[in-house]
C-alpha atoms as a PDB file:
ATOM      1  CA  MET A   1     -14.552-221.051 126.623  1.00  0.00           C
ATOM      2  CA  LYS A   2     -12.308-218.415 124.496  1.00  0.00           C
ATOM      3  CA  LEU A   3     -12.624-215.230 126.640  1.00  0.00           C
ATOM      4  CA  LEU A   4     -10.909-211.827 126.187  1.00  0.00           C
ATOM      5  CA  ILE A   5     -10.432-209.930 129.077  1.00  0.00           C
ATOM      6  CA  VAL A   6     -10.240-206.294 128.943  1.00  0.00           C
ATOM      7  CA  GLU A   7      -8.658-204.494 132.171  1.00  0.00           C
ATOM      8  CA  ASP A   8      -5.986-201.933 132.194  1.00  0.00           C
ATOM      9  CA  ASP A   9      -5.232-203.085 135.681  1.00  0.00           C
ATOM     10  CA  SER A  10      -2.479-205.622 135.313  1.00  0.00           C
ATOM     11  CA  ASP A  11      -2.575-207.538 138.277  1.00  0.00           C
ATOM     12  CA  TYR A  12      -6.401-208.087 138.682  1.00  0.00           C
ATOM     13  CA  ALA A  13      -6.042-209.107 135.279  1.00  0.00           C
ATOM     14  CA  ALA A  14      -3.220-211.334 135.598  1.00  0.00           C
ATOM     15  CA  SER A  15      -5.062-213.003 139.015  1.00  0.00           C
ATOM     16  CA  LEU A  16      -8.671-213.176 137.091  1.00  0.00           C
ATOM     17  CA  ARG A  17      -6.837-214.631 133.938  1.00  0.00           C
ATOM     18  CA  GLU A  18      -5.340-217.073 136.326  1.00  0.00           C
ATOM     19  CA  ASP A  19      -8.285-217.948 137.948  1.00  0.00           C
ATOM     20  CA  LEU A  20     -10.159-218.619 134.585  1.00  0.00           C
ATOM     21  CA  ALA A  21      -7.230-221.019 133.564  1.00  0.00           C
ATOM     22  CA  ALA A  22      -7.709-222.871 135.996  1.00  0.00           C
ATOM     23  CA  LEU A  23     -11.268-223.277 135.433  1.00  0.00           C
ATOM     24  CA  ASP A  24     -10.246-224.810 131.843  1.00  0.00           C
ATOM     25  CA  HIS A  25     -10.924-221.827 129.730  1.00  0.00           C
ATOM     26  CA  GLU A  26      -9.195-220.144 127.546  1.00  0.00           C
ATOM     27  CA  VAL A  27      -7.729-216.443 128.305  1.00  0.00           C
ATOM     28  CA  THR A  28      -6.469-213.393 126.532  1.00  0.00           C
ATOM     29  CA  VAL A  29      -6.172-210.384 127.888  1.00  0.00           C
ATOM     30  CA  THR A  30      -5.643-206.441 127.019  1.00  0.00           C
ATOM     31  CA  ASP A  31      -5.424-203.775 128.571  1.00  0.00           C
ATOM     32  CA  ASN A  32      -6.904-201.137 126.507  1.00  0.00           C
ATOM     33  CA  GLY A  33     -10.398-200.204 124.640  1.00  0.00           C
ATOM     34  CA  ARG A  34      -8.616-199.646 121.379  1.00  0.00           C
ATOM     35  CA  ASP A  35      -6.587-203.213 121.358  1.00  0.00           C
ATOM     36  CA  ALA A  36      -9.892-204.827 122.769  1.00  0.00           C
ATOM     37  CA  LEU A  37     -12.057-204.164 119.411  1.00  0.00           C
ATOM     38  CA  LEU A  38      -8.941-205.141 117.412  1.00  0.00           C
ATOM     39  CA  ALA A  39      -8.994-208.400 119.024  1.00  0.00           C
ATOM     40  CA  LEU A  40     -12.500-208.866 118.372  1.00  0.00           C
ATOM     41  CA  GLU A  41     -12.150-208.195 114.718  1.00  0.00           C
ATOM     42  CA  ARG A  42      -8.968-210.854 114.248  1.00  0.00           C
ATOM     43  CA  ASP A  43     -10.219-213.490 116.594  1.00  0.00           C
ATOM     44  CA  ARG A  44     -13.605-214.966 117.795  1.00  0.00           C
ATOM     45  CA  TYR A  45     -14.141-215.194 121.709  1.00  0.00           C
ATOM     46  CA  ASP A  46     -17.692-216.681 123.300  1.00  0.00           C
ATOM     47  CA  ALA A  47     -17.543-213.804 125.330  1.00  0.00           C
ATOM     48  CA  VAL A  48     -15.786-210.613 126.673  1.00  0.00           C
ATOM     49  CA  ILE A  49     -15.425-209.324 130.429  1.00  0.00           C
ATOM     50  CA  LEU A  50     -14.855-205.426 130.307  1.00  0.00           C
ATOM     51  CA  ASP A  51     -13.606-203.278 132.538  1.00  0.00           C
ATOM     52  CA  ARG A  52     -15.340-199.797 132.792  1.00  0.00           C
ATOM     53  CA  MET A  53     -12.389-197.206 133.005  1.00  0.00           C
ATOM     54  CA  LEU A  54      -9.677-197.937 130.049  1.00  0.00           C
ATOM     55  CA  PRO A  55      -7.312-195.929 128.699  1.00  0.00           C
ATOM     56  CA  GLN A  56      -8.096-194.983 125.032  1.00  0.00           C
ATOM     57  CA  MET A  57     -11.366-195.433 124.757  1.00  0.00           C
ATOM     58  CA  ASP A  58     -13.746-196.450 127.800  1.00  0.00           C
ATOM     59  CA  GLY A  59     -15.875-199.845 128.380  1.00  0.00           C
ATOM     60  CA  ALA A  60     -19.159-198.460 127.243  1.00  0.00           C
ATOM     61  CA  ALA A  61     -17.552-196.777 123.883  1.00  0.00           C
ATOM     62  CA  VAL A  62     -16.097-200.386 123.477  1.00  0.00           C
ATOM     63  CA  VAL A  63     -19.246-202.063 123.772  1.00  0.00           C
ATOM     64  CA  ARG A  64     -21.190-199.333 121.561  1.00  0.00           C
ATOM     65  CA  HIS A  65     -18.613-199.540 119.032  1.00  0.00           C
ATOM     66  CA  ALA A  66     -18.389-203.522 119.143  1.00  0.00           C
ATOM     67  CA  ARG A  67     -22.182-203.120 118.126  1.00  0.00           C
ATOM     68  CA  GLU A  68     -22.148-200.732 115.713  1.00  0.00           C
ATOM     69  CA  ARG A  69     -19.398-202.983 113.998  1.00  0.00           C
ATOM     70  CA  GLY A  70     -21.786-206.135 113.784  1.00  0.00           C
ATOM     71  CA  GLN A  71     -19.854-208.236 117.060  1.00  0.00           C
ATOM     72  CA  THR A  72     -22.841-210.032 118.405  1.00  0.00           C
ATOM     73  CA  VAL A  73     -20.565-211.650 121.045  1.00  0.00           C
ATOM     74  CA  PRO A  74     -21.951-211.677 125.106  1.00  0.00           C
ATOM     75  CA  VAL A  75     -20.042-209.164 126.677  1.00  0.00           C
ATOM     76  CA  LEU A  76     -20.166-208.766 130.863  1.00  0.00           C
ATOM     77  CA  ILE A  77     -18.877-205.345 132.016  1.00  0.00           C
ATOM     78  CA  LEU A  78     -16.684-205.956 135.283  1.00  0.00           C
ATOM     79  CA  SER A  79     -16.325-202.788 137.241  1.00  0.00           C
ATOM     80  CA  ALA A  80     -15.223-200.922 140.329  1.00  0.00           C
ATOM     81  CA  LEU A  81     -18.420-198.440 139.058  1.00  0.00           C
ATOM     82  CA  GLY A  82     -21.553-199.218 140.316  1.00  0.00           C
ATOM     83  CA  ARG A  83     -24.503-196.781 140.264  1.00  0.00           C
ATOM     84  CA  SER A  84     -27.198-197.404 139.342  1.00  0.00           C
ATOM     85  CA  ALA A  85     -26.930-195.002 136.443  1.00  0.00           C
ATOM     86  CA  GLU A  86     -23.382-196.383 135.743  1.00  0.00           C
ATOM     87  CA  LYS A  87     -24.689-199.876 135.346  1.00  0.00           C
ATOM     88  CA  VAL A  88     -27.812-198.636 132.925  1.00  0.00           C
ATOM     89  CA  ASP A  89     -24.992-196.357 130.885  1.00  0.00           C
ATOM     90  CA  GLY A  90     -23.108-200.023 130.641  1.00  0.00           C
ATOM     91  CA  LEU A  91     -26.096-202.016 129.614  1.00  0.00           C
ATOM     92  CA  GLU A  92     -27.861-199.141 127.349  1.00  0.00           C
ATOM     93  CA  ALA A  93     -24.409-199.380 125.215  1.00  0.00           C
ATOM     94  CA  GLY A  94     -24.732-202.618 124.743  1.00  0.00           C
ATOM     95  CA  ALA A  95     -23.462-204.797 127.280  1.00  0.00           C
ATOM     96  CA  ASP A  96     -25.199-207.918 128.512  1.00  0.00           C
ATOM     97  CA  ASP A  97     -24.318-208.132 132.001  1.00  0.00           C
ATOM     98  CA  TYR A  98     -22.682-205.702 134.632  1.00  0.00           C
ATOM     99  CA  VAL A  99     -21.007-206.979 137.724  1.00  0.00           C
ATOM    100  CA  VAL A 100     -19.500-204.715 140.142  1.00  0.00           C
ATOM    101  CA  LYS A 101     -15.759-205.208 141.368  1.00  0.00           C
ATOM    102  CA  PRO A 102     -14.670-207.810 143.230  1.00  0.00           C
ATOM    103  CA  THR A 103     -16.812-210.857 141.913  1.00  0.00           C
ATOM    104  CA  PRO A 104     -15.469-214.435 142.278  1.00  0.00           C
ATOM    105  CA  ALA A 105     -14.359-215.933 139.155  1.00  0.00           C
ATOM    106  CA  SER A 106     -16.637-218.694 139.930  1.00  0.00           C
ATOM    107  CA  GLU A 107     -19.461-216.741 139.747  1.00  0.00           C
ATOM    108  CA  ILE A 108     -18.129-214.784 136.594  1.00  0.00           C
ATOM    109  CA  GLU A 109     -18.217-218.155 135.006  1.00  0.00           C
ATOM    110  CA  ALA A 110     -21.719-218.786 135.387  1.00  0.00           C
ATOM    111  CA  ARG A 111     -22.930-215.635 134.550  1.00  0.00           C
ATOM    112  CA  LEU A 112     -20.936-216.044 131.571  1.00  0.00           C
ATOM    113  CA  ARG A 113     -22.428-219.386 130.622  1.00  0.00           C
ATOM    114  CA  ALA A 114     -25.600-218.281 131.632  1.00  0.00           C
ATOM    115  CA  LEU A 115     -25.375-215.067 128.800  1.00  0.00           C
ATOM    116  CA  ILE A 116     -23.802-218.018 126.206  1.00  0.00           C
ATOM    117  CA  ARG A 117     -27.008-219.727 126.559  1.00  0.00           C
ATOM    118  CA  ALA A 118     -29.543-216.979 126.410  1.00  0.00           C
ATOM    119  CA  ARG A 119     -27.840-216.021 123.101  1.00  0.00           C
ATOM    120  CA  GLY A 120     -27.931-219.014 121.553  1.00  0.00           C
ATOM    121  CA  TRP A 121     -31.667-220.040 122.764  1.00  0.00           C
ATOM    122  CA  GLN A 122     -32.565-216.154 120.717  1.00  0.00           C
ATOM    123  CA  GLN A 123     -30.818-217.145 117.795  1.00  0.00           C
ATOM    124  CA  GLN A 124     -31.496-220.831 117.435  1.00  0.00           C
ATOM    125  CA  GLY A 125     -33.083-221.234 113.865  1.00  0.00           C
ATOM    126  CA  ALA A 126     -32.818-217.363 113.258  1.00  0.00           C
ATOM    127  CA  GLU A 127     -32.230-215.591 110.544  1.00  0.00           C
ATOM    128  CA  SER A 128     -30.352-213.394 112.797  1.00  0.00           C
ATOM    129  CA  ASP A 129     -27.164-214.964 113.260  1.00  0.00           C
ATOM    130  CA  THR A 130     -24.340-213.210 112.164  1.00  0.00           C
ATOM    131  CA  LEU A 131     -22.509-214.253 109.242  1.00  0.00           C
ATOM    132  CA  ARG A 132     -18.955-213.735 108.252  1.00  0.00           C
ATOM    133  CA  ALA A 133     -16.317-213.475 105.333  1.00  0.00           C
ATOM    134  CA  GLY A 134     -12.636-212.309 106.062  1.00  0.00           C
ATOM    135  CA  ASP A 135     -12.874-208.587 106.811  1.00  0.00           C
ATOM    136  CA  ILE A 136     -16.978-208.682 106.080  1.00  0.00           C
ATOM    137  CA  VAL A 137     -19.775-208.908 108.649  1.00  0.00           C
ATOM    138  CA  VAL A 138     -23.215-209.689 107.509  1.00  0.00           C
ATOM    139  CA  SER A 139     -26.067-209.188 109.929  1.00  0.00           C
ATOM    140  CA  PRO A 140     -29.175-210.762 107.689  1.00  0.00           C
ATOM    141  CA  GLY A 141     -31.663-209.982 111.423  1.00  0.00           C
ATOM    142  CA  GLN A 142     -31.032-206.646 111.264  1.00  0.00           C
ATOM    143  CA  HIS A 143     -30.488-206.334 107.582  1.00  0.00           C
ATOM    144  CA  ARG A 144     -26.969-204.819 108.147  1.00  0.00           C
ATOM    145  CA  ALA A 145     -23.463-205.312 106.905  1.00  0.00           C
ATOM    146  CA  TRP A 146     -20.361-203.910 107.346  1.00  0.00           C
ATOM    147  CA  ARG A 147     -16.758-203.971 105.873  1.00  0.00           C
ATOM    148  CA  ASN A 148     -13.301-203.261 108.302  1.00  0.00           C
ATOM    149  CA  GLY A 149     -15.929-201.662 110.386  1.00  0.00           C
ATOM    150  CA  ARG A 150     -17.484-199.393 107.870  1.00  0.00           C
ATOM    151  CA  ALA A 151     -21.427-199.832 107.650  1.00  0.00           C
ATOM    152  CA  LEU A 152     -21.968-200.149 104.090  1.00  0.00           C
ATOM    153  CA  ASP A 153     -25.036-198.655 102.746  1.00  0.00           C
ATOM    154  CA  LEU A 154     -26.747-201.635 100.178  1.00  0.00           C
ATOM    155  CA  ALA A 155     -30.232-202.209  98.528  1.00  0.00           C
ATOM    156  CA  LYS A 156     -32.329-204.588  99.385  1.00  0.00           C
ATOM    157  CA  LEU A 157     -31.084-206.903  96.165  1.00  0.00           C
ATOM    158  CA  GLU A 158     -27.193-205.708  96.338  1.00  0.00           C
ATOM    159  CA  PHE A 159     -27.674-206.978 100.198  1.00  0.00           C
ATOM    160  CA  GLY A 160     -29.436-210.085  99.132  1.00  0.00           C
ATOM    161  CA  VAL A 161     -26.687-211.552  97.231  1.00  0.00           C
ATOM    162  CA  LEU A 162     -24.507-210.526  99.710  1.00  0.00           C
ATOM    163  CA  ALA A 163     -25.969-212.025 102.383  1.00  0.00           C
ATOM    164  CA  GLU A 164     -25.999-215.510 100.328  1.00  0.00           C
ATOM    165  CA  LEU A 165     -22.446-215.139  99.495  1.00  0.00           C
ATOM    166  CA  ALA A 166     -21.694-215.094 102.928  1.00  0.00           C
ATOM    167  CA  ARG A 167     -23.605-217.816 103.528  1.00  0.00           C
ATOM    168  CA  HIS A 168     -21.448-220.030 100.977  1.00  0.00           C
ATOM    169  CA  ALA A 169     -18.046-217.878 101.461  1.00  0.00           C
ATOM    170  CA  GLY A 170     -15.230-220.050 100.170  1.00  0.00           C
ATOM    171  CA  SER A 171     -17.577-221.329  97.458  1.00  0.00           C
ATOM    172  CA  TYR A 172     -18.997-220.428  94.692  1.00  0.00           C
ATOM    173  CA  LEU A 173     -22.791-220.227  93.604  1.00  0.00           C
ATOM    174  CA  THR A 174     -23.732-220.412  90.264  1.00  0.00           C
ATOM    175  CA  ARG A 175     -26.167-217.319  88.910  1.00  0.00           C
ATOM    176  CA  ALA A 176     -28.749-219.726  88.936  1.00  0.00           C
ATOM    177  CA  MET A 177     -28.765-220.466  92.589  1.00  0.00           C
ATOM    178  CA  LEU A 178     -28.309-216.773  93.361  1.00  0.00           C
ATOM    179  CA  ILE A 179     -31.693-215.771  91.348  1.00  0.00           C
ATOM    180  CA  GLU A 180     -33.513-218.511  92.872  1.00  0.00           C
ATOM    181  CA  ARG A 181     -32.477-217.674  97.015  1.00  0.00           C
ATOM    182  CA  VAL A 182     -32.636-214.016  96.113  1.00  0.00           C
ATOM    183  CA  TRP A 183     -35.187-213.215  93.721  1.00  0.00           C
ATOM    184  CA  GLY A 184     -37.401-216.128  94.124  1.00  0.00           C
ATOM    185  CA  TYR A 185     -37.969-217.187  90.636  1.00  0.00           C
ATOM    186  CA  ASP A 186     -36.368-219.437  87.888  1.00  0.00           C
ATOM    187  CA  PHE A 187     -33.790-218.728  85.938  1.00  0.00           C
ATOM    188  CA  GLU A 188     -33.718-217.080  82.351  1.00  0.00           C
ATOM    189  CA  PRO A 189     -30.309-217.535  80.532  1.00  0.00           C
ATOM    190  CA  SER A 190     -30.664-215.054  78.824  1.00  0.00           C
ATOM    191  CA  THR A 191     -30.753-212.394  81.790  1.00  0.00           C
ATOM    192  CA  ASN A 192     -27.730-210.263  83.513  1.00  0.00           C
ATOM    193  CA  ILE A 193     -29.328-209.714  86.733  1.00  0.00           C
ATOM    194  CA  VAL A 194     -27.290-211.320  88.658  1.00  0.00           C
ATOM    195  CA  ASP A 195     -24.123-209.483  87.206  1.00  0.00           C
ATOM    196  CA  VAL A 196     -26.139-206.162  87.912  1.00  0.00           C
ATOM    197  CA  GLN A 197     -26.268-206.406  91.043  1.00  0.00           C
ATOM    198  CA  VAL A 198     -22.682-207.787  91.931  1.00  0.00           C
ATOM    199  CA  ARG A 199     -21.275-204.740  89.863  1.00  0.00           C
ATOM    200  CA  SER A 200     -23.399-202.406  92.065  1.00  0.00           C
ATOM    201  CA  LEU A 201     -22.354-204.706  95.160  1.00  0.00           C
ATOM    202  CA  ARG A 202     -18.419-204.251  94.257  1.00  0.00           C
ATOM    203  CA  ARG A 203     -18.844-200.704  94.044  1.00  0.00           C
ATOM    204  CA  LYS A 204     -19.879-200.005  97.776  1.00  0.00           C
ATOM    205  CA  LEU A 205     -17.612-202.819  99.074  1.00  0.00           C
ATOM    206  CA  CYS A 206     -13.859-201.654  97.938  1.00  0.00           C
ATOM    207  CA  ALA A 207     -12.857-198.451  99.444  1.00  0.00           C
ATOM    208  CA  PRO A 208      -9.906-197.293  97.484  1.00  0.00           C
ATOM    209  CA  GLY A 209      -7.203-199.435  98.731  1.00  0.00           C
ATOM    210  CA  GLU A 210      -8.858-202.458  99.553  1.00  0.00           C
ATOM    211  CA  ILE A 211      -8.897-205.879  97.851  1.00  0.00           C
ATOM    212  CA  ASP A 212     -12.193-206.886  95.883  1.00  0.00           C
ATOM    213  CA  PRO A 213     -13.681-209.404  98.082  1.00  0.00           C
ATOM    214  CA  ILE A 214     -15.832-211.086  95.463  1.00  0.00           C
ATOM    215  CA  VAL A 215     -14.354-213.345  92.792  1.00  0.00           C
ATOM    216  CA  THR A 216     -15.719-214.326  89.176  1.00  0.00           C
ATOM    217  CA  LYS A 217     -14.998-217.916  87.724  1.00  0.00           C
ATOM    218  CA  ARG A 218     -16.224-217.795  83.800  1.00  0.00           C
ATOM    219  CA  SER A 219     -19.161-219.889  83.243  1.00  0.00           C
ATOM    220  CA  VAL A 220     -19.282-220.710  87.016  1.00  0.00           C
ATOM    221  CA  GLY A 221     -20.653-218.078  89.046  1.00  0.00           C
ATOM    222  CA  TYR A 222     -19.488-215.730  92.317  1.00  0.00           C
ATOM    223  CA  MET A 223     -17.428-216.725  95.155  1.00  0.00           C
ATOM    224  CA  LEU A 224     -17.214-214.558  98.302  1.00  0.00           C
ATOM    225  CA  ARG A 225     -13.641-214.827  99.961  1.00  0.00           C
ATOM    226  CA  ALA A 226     -13.893-216.622 103.210  1.00  0.00           C
END
C-alpha cells in the first residue's frame, strides 16, 4: 500500500514508518496538517494514518477539509487522545477508523486493509467513484465538484458535461457524444446547446489566474486536461 503518515512526533513517525516499510508498504511522512492536505492534493494514497494533535491544523480539521475537497481516501486516526468524545469527534469529521496509541504496526496494517476492502465494496460498480483531472475533482455520487479545493456551484447540465469530460480526461469528446450521454437524445447538427453549457462551465471553472482546463478542437469536440 502507498501510505501517508501525518505525525509531528518525529521519533514515533520514524518508528512507525520503519515498521510499515518492513511490511512492504511505501510510506510518506509529513508532520503538520497543512502539509498533509497539500500531499493529498499532489499525490494519491491508498490510506492515511493521521494524528489528532498536530501543528497548524489538528487531525479532525484535516480530515474534515479533505472530505470537503472531495478526498475519499481511507483515513485512520492514530492518537493518544482516547476518550469516547474525542473518538466520536474524529469519526464524525470523516475518519474511517480511530485507534489509540500505542498500537502495533501489524494491527494498523490489518485495519487499513479492512478499510480499503470496505471502500471497494461500497464503490464497486457505483457512480460514486471520485473522478480526477488535473486540479479538478468530481464526485458524481455527491453531485459535487471542486477545483483546487474550491467548491464549484454548477447547474445540472454543467455538472453532467464536466463529469463526462472528467471520465474521459485527456481525450476529445464530440458534441454528439456529449449530447447522447448528458442530454440522452440524438444529436441535431444545428444545435449549439453543448457550446452554451461549455461556455458557462468555463466561467465557473476559471478563477482569476487559472488556466482554462477545457480544450476545444475545431470540428472535433472538447477535452478536459488530464
